Amino acid sequence: MTARIPHDDAQPSRRSFLAASGTAVLAASAGCTAVVDFIGDRLLEEVNVFNETNRRVGGSITVVDPAGDTVLDETFDLAASDDEDGSGSGNESSSEDEQSTAVYDDVWTESGSYEVTVELPDTEIDGQSQASGTVTIDDTDEEMLAVALGSGEVDEPIGFRVGESLSDFAD
């Protein structure tokens, strides 16, 4: 499994991601999902954790494959989604490269049901600090998982969605 590290030069900066996301939202509202999906294909991996809250969120994600093997066991520390400088605290001296999204590749081992657990030990989102669920991956080459923390696009404070493109994650 490969995790992108926030300060890795190969990863787009937080500002690039936000700019691309803004373009995607505008394109989606104009009905151009091809642009949205093109951008998503460049930025997203198999498992994606999105902090949609107005505060920094730290936690962990674990994914267990259909054979019962743990294929992802990582921690994340994500900046607030609406923080202009990426610090989560309004501190102008923080790095611009802090991310509100964590992406992980090389997770899917085979088609089937995966158990996903997210824990936020120091944070509650609408009273919830952990969530778990089963997601089904039919096409390991195309499908990806979005874990939305505090998004209005999902029914739960910590929600899971599977899709083949960024536009699949929207309502």
N, C-alpha and C. Protein backbone atom coordinates (compact mmCIF):
# COMPACT_ATOMS: atom_id res chain seq x y z
N MET A 1 0.84 -1.17 0.00
CA MET A 1 0.00 0.00 0.00
C MET A 1 0.88 1.23 0.00
N THR A 2 0.43 2.25 -0.67
CA THR A 2 1.18 3.49 -0.76
C THR A 2 0.32 4.62 -0.23
N ALA A 3 0.82 5.33 0.74
CA ALA A 3 0.11 6.49 1.26
C ALA A 3 0.83 7.73 0.79
N ARG A 4 0.08 8.71 0.39
CA ARG A 4 0.70 9.99 0.02
C ARG A 4 0.93 10.77 1.29
N ILE A 5 2.12 11.28 1.44
CA ILE A 5 2.49 12.06 2.61
C ILE A 5 2.29 13.53 2.27
N PRO A 6 1.71 14.32 3.19
CA PRO A 6 1.38 15.70 2.87
C PRO A 6 2.53 16.54 2.32
N HIS A 7 3.76 16.25 2.67
CA HIS A 7 4.87 17.08 2.20
C HIS A 7 5.61 16.44 1.04
N ASP A 8 5.07 15.38 0.47
CA ASP A 8 5.66 14.70 -0.67
C ASP A 8 5.55 15.62 -1.90
N ASP A 9 6.67 15.85 -2.60
CA ASP A 9 6.68 16.74 -3.75
C ASP A 9 5.78 16.26 -4.87
N ALA A 10 5.50 14.94 -4.96
CA ALA A 10 4.67 14.40 -6.02
C ALA A 10 3.20 14.69 -5.80
N GLN A 11 2.81 15.03 -4.59
CA GLN A 11 1.40 15.28 -4.28
C GLN A 11 1.06 16.73 -4.54
N PRO A 12 -0.10 16.96 -5.16
CA PRO A 12 -0.49 18.35 -5.37
C PRO A 12 -0.65 19.06 -4.03
N SER A 13 -0.36 20.35 -4.01
CA SER A 13 -0.51 21.11 -2.77
C SER A 13 -1.98 21.23 -2.41
N ARG A 14 -2.24 21.59 -1.18
CA ARG A 14 -3.61 21.76 -0.70
C ARG A 14 -4.31 22.82 -1.54
N ARG A 15 -3.60 23.89 -1.84
CA ARG A 15 -4.20 24.95 -2.66
C ARG A 15 -4.54 24.44 -4.06
N SER A 16 -3.69 23.59 -4.63
CA SER A 16 -3.99 23.01 -5.94
C SER A 16 -5.23 22.15 -5.87
N PHE A 17 -5.32 21.36 -4.79
CA PHE A 17 -6.49 20.50 -4.62
C PHE A 17 -7.76 21.35 -4.47
N LEU A 18 -7.68 22.40 -3.65
CA LEU A 18 -8.85 23.25 -3.47
C LEU A 18 -9.23 23.95 -4.77
N ALA A 19 -8.25 24.40 -5.52
CA ALA A 19 -8.54 25.04 -6.80
C ALA A 19 -9.19 24.05 -7.76
N ALA A 20 -8.66 22.84 -7.79
CA ALA A 20 -9.23 21.81 -8.65
C ALA A 20 -10.64 21.45 -8.19
N SER A 21 -10.83 21.37 -6.88
CA SER A 21 -12.16 21.06 -6.34
C SER A 21 -13.15 22.15 -6.70
N GLY A 22 -12.72 23.42 -6.59
CA GLY A 22 -13.58 24.53 -6.97
C GLY A 22 -13.96 24.46 -8.44
N THR A 23 -13.00 24.13 -9.27
CA THR A 23 -13.28 23.96 -10.69
C THR A 23 -14.26 22.82 -10.90
N ALA A 24 -14.07 21.76 -10.15
CA ALA A 24 -14.96 20.60 -10.26
C ALA A 24 -16.38 20.96 -9.87
N VAL A 25 -16.53 21.73 -8.80
CA VAL A 25 -17.87 22.13 -8.36
C VAL A 25 -18.54 22.99 -9.42
N LEU A 26 -17.79 23.94 -9.97
CA LEU A 26 -18.35 24.79 -11.02
C LEU A 26 -18.72 23.97 -12.25
N ALA A 27 -17.84 23.04 -12.62
CA ALA A 27 -18.12 22.21 -13.78
C ALA A 27 -19.32 21.31 -13.54
N ALA A 28 -19.44 20.79 -12.33
CA ALA A 28 -20.57 19.92 -12.00
C ALA A 28 -21.87 20.70 -12.07
N SER A 29 -21.85 21.93 -11.55
CA SER A 29 -23.08 22.72 -11.59
C SER A 29 -23.43 23.12 -13.01
N ALA A 30 -22.45 23.12 -13.89
CA ALA A 30 -22.70 23.42 -15.30
C ALA A 30 -23.04 22.15 -16.07
N GLY A 31 -23.00 21.00 -15.40
CA GLY A 31 -23.36 19.74 -16.04
C GLY A 31 -22.21 19.04 -16.72
N CYS A 32 -21.00 19.44 -16.46
CA CYS A 32 -19.84 18.85 -17.14
C CYS A 32 -19.13 17.88 -16.21
N THR A 33 -19.68 16.71 -16.03
CA THR A 33 -19.08 15.73 -15.12
C THR A 33 -17.76 15.17 -15.65
N ALA A 34 -17.54 15.26 -16.95
CA ALA A 34 -16.28 14.75 -17.51
C ALA A 34 -15.09 15.52 -16.94
N VAL A 35 -15.24 16.83 -16.77
CA VAL A 35 -14.16 17.64 -16.20
C VAL A 35 -13.95 17.26 -14.73
N VAL A 36 -15.05 17.11 -14.00
CA VAL A 36 -14.98 16.73 -12.59
C VAL A 36 -14.23 15.40 -12.46
N ASP A 37 -14.60 14.45 -13.26
CA ASP A 37 -13.99 13.13 -13.16
C ASP A 37 -12.53 13.13 -13.60
N PHE A 38 -12.19 13.95 -14.58
CA PHE A 38 -10.81 14.07 -15.01
C PHE A 38 -9.94 14.58 -13.86
N ILE A 39 -10.42 15.61 -13.17
CA ILE A 39 -9.68 16.17 -12.03
C ILE A 39 -9.58 15.14 -10.92
N GLY A 40 -10.68 14.48 -10.60
CA GLY A 40 -10.69 13.47 -9.55
C GLY A 40 -9.72 12.33 -9.84
N ASP A 41 -9.64 11.90 -11.10
CA ASP A 41 -8.72 10.82 -11.47
C ASP A 41 -7.26 11.20 -11.20
N ARG A 42 -6.96 12.48 -11.27
CA ARG A 42 -5.59 12.95 -11.06
C ARG A 42 -5.24 13.10 -9.58
N LEU A 43 -6.25 13.30 -8.73
CA LEU A 43 -6.00 13.62 -7.33
C LEU A 43 -6.34 12.50 -6.35
N LEU A 44 -7.24 11.62 -6.72
CA LEU A 44 -7.72 10.62 -5.78
C LEU A 44 -7.07 9.26 -5.99
N GLU A 45 -7.12 8.43 -4.94
CA GLU A 45 -6.58 7.07 -4.99
C GLU A 45 -7.69 6.10 -4.59
N GLU A 46 -7.35 4.88 -4.19
CA GLU A 46 -8.36 3.88 -3.86
C GLU A 46 -9.17 4.23 -2.61
N VAL A 47 -8.51 4.76 -1.57
CA VAL A 47 -9.19 5.17 -0.35
C VAL A 47 -8.86 6.63 -0.09
N ASN A 48 -9.90 7.44 0.13
CA ASN A 48 -9.75 8.88 0.27
C ASN A 48 -10.53 9.35 1.49
N VAL A 49 -9.86 10.06 2.40
CA VAL A 49 -10.52 10.60 3.59
C VAL A 49 -10.58 12.11 3.43
N PHE A 50 -11.80 12.66 3.47
CA PHE A 50 -12.04 14.09 3.27
C PHE A 50 -12.50 14.72 4.57
N ASN A 51 -11.77 15.72 5.06
CA ASN A 51 -12.21 16.49 6.21
C ASN A 51 -13.05 17.65 5.70
N GLU A 52 -14.34 17.59 5.93
CA GLU A 52 -15.26 18.63 5.48
C GLU A 52 -15.68 19.53 6.64
N THR A 53 -14.99 19.42 7.78
CA THR A 53 -15.32 20.24 8.93
C THR A 53 -14.53 21.54 8.91
N ASN A 54 -14.83 22.42 9.84
CA ASN A 54 -14.13 23.70 9.94
C ASN A 54 -13.01 23.65 10.98
N ARG A 55 -12.55 22.44 11.31
CA ARG A 55 -11.46 22.28 12.29
C ARG A 55 -10.56 21.11 11.90
N ARG A 56 -9.37 21.12 12.45
CA ARG A 56 -8.42 20.04 12.22
C ARG A 56 -8.98 18.75 12.79
N VAL A 57 -8.79 17.64 12.07
CA VAL A 57 -9.27 16.34 12.52
C VAL A 57 -8.14 15.33 12.38
N GLY A 58 -7.85 14.63 13.48
CA GLY A 58 -6.88 13.55 13.47
C GLY A 58 -7.56 12.25 13.82
N GLY A 59 -7.06 11.18 13.25
CA GLY A 59 -7.67 9.89 13.54
C GLY A 59 -6.95 8.76 12.83
N SER A 60 -7.64 7.65 12.72
CA SER A 60 -7.06 6.48 12.06
C SER A 60 -8.12 5.82 11.19
N ILE A 61 -7.62 5.11 10.18
CA ILE A 61 -8.49 4.33 9.31
C ILE A 61 -7.89 2.93 9.17
N THR A 62 -8.76 1.94 9.26
CA THR A 62 -8.36 0.55 9.10
C THR A 62 -9.29 -0.09 8.07
N VAL A 63 -8.70 -0.84 7.14
CA VAL A 63 -9.48 -1.56 6.14
C VAL A 63 -9.04 -3.02 6.17
N VAL A 64 -10.03 -3.91 6.28
CA VAL A 64 -9.78 -5.36 6.30
C VAL A 64 -10.40 -5.94 5.03
N ASP A 65 -9.60 -6.72 4.28
CA ASP A 65 -10.06 -7.26 3.00
C ASP A 65 -10.97 -8.48 3.18
N PRO A 66 -11.53 -8.99 2.09
CA PRO A 66 -12.45 -10.14 2.18
C PRO A 66 -11.82 -11.39 2.81
N ALA A 67 -10.50 -11.52 2.74
CA ALA A 67 -9.82 -12.68 3.33
C ALA A 67 -9.55 -12.49 4.83
N GLY A 68 -9.87 -11.32 5.36
CA GLY A 68 -9.66 -11.05 6.78
C GLY A 68 -8.31 -10.42 7.10
N ASP A 69 -7.57 -10.05 6.07
CA ASP A 69 -6.26 -9.42 6.27
C ASP A 69 -6.41 -7.90 6.34
N THR A 70 -5.67 -7.27 7.25
CA THR A 70 -5.65 -5.82 7.33
C THR A 70 -4.79 -5.30 6.19
N VAL A 71 -5.42 -4.52 5.29
CA VAL A 71 -4.72 -4.01 4.12
C VAL A 71 -4.42 -2.52 4.22
N LEU A 72 -5.02 -1.87 5.20
CA LEU A 72 -4.73 -0.46 5.46
C LEU A 72 -4.92 -0.21 6.94
N ASP A 73 -3.89 0.35 7.56
CA ASP A 73 -3.93 0.72 8.97
C ASP A 73 -3.06 1.95 9.12
N GLU A 74 -3.68 3.12 8.99
CA GLU A 74 -2.95 4.38 8.94
C GLU A 74 -3.59 5.42 9.83
N THR A 75 -2.80 6.41 10.21
CA THR A 75 -3.33 7.57 10.92
C THR A 75 -3.32 8.76 9.97
N PHE A 76 -4.13 9.75 10.27
CA PHE A 76 -4.17 10.97 9.47
C PHE A 76 -4.35 12.16 10.39
N ASP A 77 -3.90 13.31 9.93
CA ASP A 77 -4.06 14.58 10.62
C ASP A 77 -4.41 15.58 9.54
N LEU A 78 -5.69 15.91 9.44
CA LEU A 78 -6.17 16.70 8.31
C LEU A 78 -6.53 18.12 8.72
N ALA A 79 -6.11 19.07 7.90
CA ALA A 79 -6.44 20.47 8.11
C ALA A 79 -7.93 20.68 7.89
N ALA A 80 -8.44 21.77 8.44
CA ALA A 80 -9.84 22.14 8.22
C ALA A 80 -10.08 22.39 6.74
N SER A 81 -11.26 22.07 6.27
CA SER A 81 -11.53 22.23 4.83
C SER A 81 -11.68 23.68 4.41
N ASP A 82 -12.05 24.55 5.32
CA ASP A 82 -12.26 25.95 4.95
C ASP A 82 -11.17 26.86 5.47
N ASP A 83 -10.05 26.30 5.93
CA ASP A 83 -8.96 27.10 6.49
C ASP A 83 -8.12 27.67 5.36
N GLU A 84 -8.05 28.98 5.27
CA GLU A 84 -7.36 29.65 4.16
C GLU A 84 -5.88 29.30 4.08
N ASP A 85 -5.21 29.17 5.22
CA ASP A 85 -3.76 28.92 5.18
C ASP A 85 -3.40 27.47 5.44
N GLY A 86 -4.41 26.59 5.66
CA GLY A 86 -4.12 25.18 5.83
C GLY A 86 -3.70 24.78 7.22
N SER A 87 -3.66 25.69 8.16
CA SER A 87 -3.13 25.36 9.49
C SER A 87 -4.18 24.82 10.43
N GLY A 88 -5.44 25.08 10.16
CA GLY A 88 -6.50 24.66 11.06
C GLY A 88 -6.64 25.57 12.25
N SER A 89 -5.75 26.57 12.38
CA SER A 89 -5.80 27.45 13.55
C SER A 89 -5.70 28.93 13.19
N GLY A 90 -5.57 29.24 11.90
CA GLY A 90 -5.42 30.62 11.51
C GLY A 90 -4.00 31.13 11.67
N ASN A 91 -3.06 30.25 11.92
CA ASN A 91 -1.67 30.61 12.12
C ASN A 91 -0.98 30.76 10.77
N GLU A 92 -0.60 31.97 10.41
CA GLU A 92 -0.02 32.23 9.10
C GLU A 92 1.35 31.60 8.89
N SER A 93 2.01 31.14 9.96
CA SER A 93 3.35 30.58 9.79
C SER A 93 3.33 29.11 9.44
N SER A 94 2.16 28.46 9.39
CA SER A 94 2.09 27.04 9.07
C SER A 94 2.32 26.82 7.58
N SER A 95 2.66 25.60 7.23
CA SER A 95 2.95 25.22 5.86
C SER A 95 1.69 25.26 4.99
N GLU A 96 1.83 25.74 3.74
CA GLU A 96 0.73 25.73 2.80
C GLU A 96 0.40 24.33 2.33
N ASP A 97 1.28 23.38 2.56
CA ASP A 97 1.11 22.03 2.03
C ASP A 97 0.23 21.15 2.90
N GLU A 98 -0.29 21.64 4.01
CA GLU A 98 -1.16 20.82 4.83
C GLU A 98 -2.42 20.49 4.05
N GLN A 99 -2.90 19.29 4.21
CA GLN A 99 -4.00 18.78 3.40
C GLN A 99 -5.26 18.56 4.23
N SER A 100 -6.41 18.74 3.61
CA SER A 100 -7.68 18.38 4.23
C SER A 100 -8.16 17.03 3.71
N THR A 101 -7.32 16.38 2.90
CA THR A 101 -7.64 15.08 2.33
C THR A 101 -6.42 14.16 2.46
N ALA A 102 -6.68 12.91 2.87
CA ALA A 102 -5.63 11.88 2.89
C ALA A 102 -6.02 10.83 1.85
N VAL A 103 -5.05 10.41 1.04
CA VAL A 103 -5.32 9.43 0.00
C VAL A 103 -4.37 8.25 0.16
N TYR A 104 -4.90 7.06 -0.12
CA TYR A 104 -4.13 5.82 0.04
C TYR A 104 -4.36 4.95 -1.18
N ASP A 105 -3.28 4.42 -1.73
CA ASP A 105 -3.36 3.57 -2.92
C ASP A 105 -2.97 2.14 -2.55
N ASP A 106 -3.17 1.23 -3.48
CA ASP A 106 -2.80 -0.18 -3.33
C ASP A 106 -3.46 -0.81 -2.11
N VAL A 107 -4.76 -0.61 -1.97
CA VAL A 107 -5.52 -1.16 -0.84
C VAL A 107 -6.30 -2.39 -1.27
N TRP A 108 -7.00 -2.31 -2.40
CA TRP A 108 -7.87 -3.40 -2.83
C TRP A 108 -7.05 -4.60 -3.27
N THR A 109 -7.35 -5.76 -2.70
CA THR A 109 -6.63 -7.00 -3.03
C THR A 109 -7.45 -7.90 -3.94
N GLU A 110 -8.77 -7.82 -3.81
CA GLU A 110 -9.68 -8.65 -4.61
C GLU A 110 -11.08 -8.06 -4.51
N SER A 111 -11.95 -8.48 -5.40
CA SER A 111 -13.34 -8.05 -5.33
C SER A 111 -13.98 -8.67 -4.10
N GLY A 112 -14.90 -7.92 -3.50
CA GLY A 112 -15.61 -8.45 -2.34
C GLY A 112 -15.91 -7.37 -1.32
N SER A 113 -16.24 -7.81 -0.12
CA SER A 113 -16.64 -6.91 0.96
C SER A 113 -15.45 -6.58 1.85
N TYR A 114 -15.26 -5.29 2.10
CA TYR A 114 -14.18 -4.79 2.94
C TYR A 114 -14.79 -4.13 4.17
N GLU A 115 -14.20 -4.40 5.32
CA GLU A 115 -14.63 -3.77 6.56
C GLU A 115 -13.77 -2.52 6.78
N VAL A 116 -14.42 -1.38 6.97
CA VAL A 116 -13.72 -0.11 7.14
C VAL A 116 -14.06 0.45 8.51
N THR A 117 -13.04 0.88 9.25
CA THR A 117 -13.23 1.49 10.56
C THR A 117 -12.46 2.80 10.60
N VAL A 118 -13.15 3.87 11.04
CA VAL A 118 -12.53 5.17 11.22
C VAL A 118 -12.73 5.56 12.68
N GLU A 119 -11.64 5.97 13.32
CA GLU A 119 -11.70 6.43 14.71
C GLU A 119 -11.08 7.81 14.82
N LEU A 120 -11.77 8.69 15.54
CA LEU A 120 -11.31 10.05 15.78
C LEU A 120 -11.20 10.21 17.30
N PRO A 121 -10.05 9.87 17.89
CA PRO A 121 -9.95 9.80 19.35
C PRO A 121 -10.13 11.15 20.06
N ASP A 122 -9.81 12.25 19.42
CA ASP A 122 -9.89 13.56 20.09
C ASP A 122 -10.95 14.48 19.50
N THR A 123 -11.81 13.94 18.63
CA THR A 123 -12.78 14.77 17.94
C THR A 123 -14.12 14.05 17.84
N GLU A 124 -15.18 14.81 17.98
CA GLU A 124 -16.52 14.31 17.69
C GLU A 124 -17.11 15.17 16.58
N ILE A 125 -17.76 14.52 15.65
CA ILE A 125 -18.48 15.21 14.59
C ILE A 125 -19.94 14.87 14.79
N ASP A 126 -20.72 15.86 15.16
CA ASP A 126 -22.14 15.65 15.47
C ASP A 126 -22.33 14.50 16.46
N GLY A 127 -21.47 14.46 17.49
CA GLY A 127 -21.57 13.45 18.54
C GLY A 127 -20.96 12.11 18.21
N GLN A 128 -20.36 11.97 17.05
CA GLN A 128 -19.80 10.69 16.63
C GLN A 128 -18.29 10.79 16.51
N SER A 129 -17.57 9.84 17.12
CA SER A 129 -16.11 9.84 17.04
C SER A 129 -15.56 8.59 16.38
N GLN A 130 -16.43 7.71 15.94
CA GLN A 130 -15.98 6.53 15.22
C GLN A 130 -17.11 5.98 14.37
N ALA A 131 -16.72 5.30 13.31
CA ALA A 131 -17.71 4.67 12.44
C ALA A 131 -17.08 3.44 11.81
N SER A 132 -17.89 2.47 11.53
CA SER A 132 -17.41 1.30 10.80
C SER A 132 -18.53 0.83 9.89
N GLY A 133 -18.13 0.16 8.84
CA GLY A 133 -19.11 -0.33 7.89
C GLY A 133 -18.46 -1.26 6.90
N THR A 134 -19.30 -1.87 6.10
CA THR A 134 -18.85 -2.78 5.05
C THR A 134 -19.09 -2.11 3.71
N VAL A 135 -18.06 -2.08 2.89
CA VAL A 135 -18.20 -1.56 1.53
C VAL A 135 -17.87 -2.69 0.56
N THR A 136 -18.55 -2.70 -0.56
CA THR A 136 -18.33 -3.74 -1.57
C THR A 136 -17.58 -3.15 -2.74
N ILE A 137 -16.47 -3.79 -3.07
CA ILE A 137 -15.66 -3.39 -4.22
C ILE A 137 -15.80 -4.48 -5.28
N ASP A 138 -16.40 -4.12 -6.41
CA ASP A 138 -16.58 -5.08 -7.50
C ASP A 138 -15.44 -5.01 -8.51
N ASP A 139 -14.91 -3.82 -8.72
CA ASP A 139 -13.83 -3.61 -9.71
C ASP A 139 -12.65 -2.95 -9.02
N THR A 140 -11.64 -3.73 -8.68
CA THR A 140 -10.49 -3.22 -7.92
C THR A 140 -9.66 -2.23 -8.71
N ASP A 141 -9.78 -2.21 -10.03
CA ASP A 141 -9.02 -1.27 -10.84
C ASP A 141 -9.70 0.08 -10.97
N GLU A 142 -11.01 0.12 -10.79
CA GLU A 142 -11.76 1.35 -11.05
C GLU A 142 -12.38 1.98 -9.82
N GLU A 143 -12.85 1.18 -8.87
CA GLU A 143 -13.61 1.73 -7.75
C GLU A 143 -12.72 2.29 -6.65
N MET A 144 -13.25 3.31 -5.99
CA MET A 144 -12.55 3.94 -4.87
C MET A 144 -13.56 4.24 -3.77
N LEU A 145 -13.01 4.45 -2.59
CA LEU A 145 -13.82 4.74 -1.41
C LEU A 145 -13.58 6.17 -0.97
N ALA A 146 -14.67 6.87 -0.69
CA ALA A 146 -14.60 8.20 -0.09
C ALA A 146 -15.11 8.08 1.34
N VAL A 147 -14.30 8.54 2.29
CA VAL A 147 -14.71 8.63 3.69
C VAL A 147 -14.88 10.12 3.96
N ALA A 148 -16.13 10.53 4.17
CA ALA A 148 -16.43 11.95 4.36
C ALA A 148 -16.63 12.23 5.85
N LEU A 149 -15.81 13.14 6.35
CA LEU A 149 -15.90 13.56 7.75
C LEU A 149 -16.64 14.89 7.81
N GLY A 150 -17.88 14.86 8.30
CA GLY A 150 -18.64 16.09 8.46
C GLY A 150 -19.17 16.68 7.18
N SER A 151 -19.45 15.87 6.19
CA SER A 151 -19.95 16.38 4.91
C SER A 151 -21.47 16.43 4.90
N GLY A 152 -22.01 17.45 4.31
CA GLY A 152 -23.44 17.54 4.11
C GLY A 152 -23.92 16.65 2.99
N GLU A 153 -23.00 16.05 2.23
CA GLU A 153 -23.35 15.20 1.10
C GLU A 153 -23.72 13.78 1.51
N VAL A 154 -23.44 13.40 2.76
CA VAL A 154 -23.77 12.06 3.25
C VAL A 154 -24.66 12.19 4.48
N ASP A 155 -25.39 11.13 4.79
CA ASP A 155 -26.35 11.16 5.89
C ASP A 155 -25.71 11.07 7.26
N GLU A 156 -24.52 10.52 7.35
CA GLU A 156 -23.86 10.30 8.63
C GLU A 156 -22.72 11.30 8.84
N PRO A 157 -22.36 11.60 10.10
CA PRO A 157 -21.22 12.50 10.36
C PRO A 157 -19.91 11.94 9.81
N ILE A 158 -19.78 10.62 9.81
CA ILE A 158 -18.64 9.94 9.19
C ILE A 158 -19.25 8.96 8.20
N GLY A 159 -19.17 9.29 6.92
CA GLY A 159 -19.87 8.50 5.91
C GLY A 159 -18.94 7.84 4.93
N PHE A 160 -19.40 6.73 4.34
CA PHE A 160 -18.64 5.96 3.36
C PHE A 160 -19.41 5.92 2.05
N ARG A 161 -18.69 6.16 0.95
CA ARG A 161 -19.26 6.04 -0.39
C ARG A 161 -18.27 5.38 -1.32
N VAL A 162 -18.75 4.48 -2.17
CA VAL A 162 -17.92 3.82 -3.18
C VAL A 162 -18.35 4.34 -4.54
N GLY A 163 -17.37 4.60 -5.39
CA GLY A 163 -17.67 5.04 -6.75
C GLY A 163 -16.46 4.87 -7.64
N GLU A 164 -16.66 5.14 -8.91
CA GLU A 164 -15.56 5.04 -9.87
C GLU A 164 -14.99 6.39 -10.24
N SER A 165 -15.64 7.46 -9.79
CA SER A 165 -15.19 8.80 -10.14
C SER A 165 -15.62 9.78 -9.06
N LEU A 166 -15.05 10.96 -9.10
CA LEU A 166 -15.39 12.01 -8.13
C LEU A 166 -16.87 12.37 -8.19
N SER A 167 -17.45 12.39 -9.38
CA SER A 167 -18.86 12.73 -9.50
C SER A 167 -19.77 11.68 -8.87
N ASP A 168 -19.30 10.45 -8.72
CA ASP A 168 -20.08 9.41 -8.04
C ASP A 168 -20.25 9.68 -6.56
N PHE A 169 -19.40 10.52 -5.98
CA PHE A 169 -19.47 10.80 -4.55
C PHE A 169 -20.47 11.91 -4.22
N ALA A 170 -20.96 12.64 -5.22
CA ALA A 170 -21.94 13.69 -5.00
C ALA A 170 -23.33 13.07 -4.95
N ASP A 171 -24.24 13.76 -4.32
CA ASP A 171 -25.63 13.28 -4.25
C ASP A 171 -26.22 13.19 -5.62
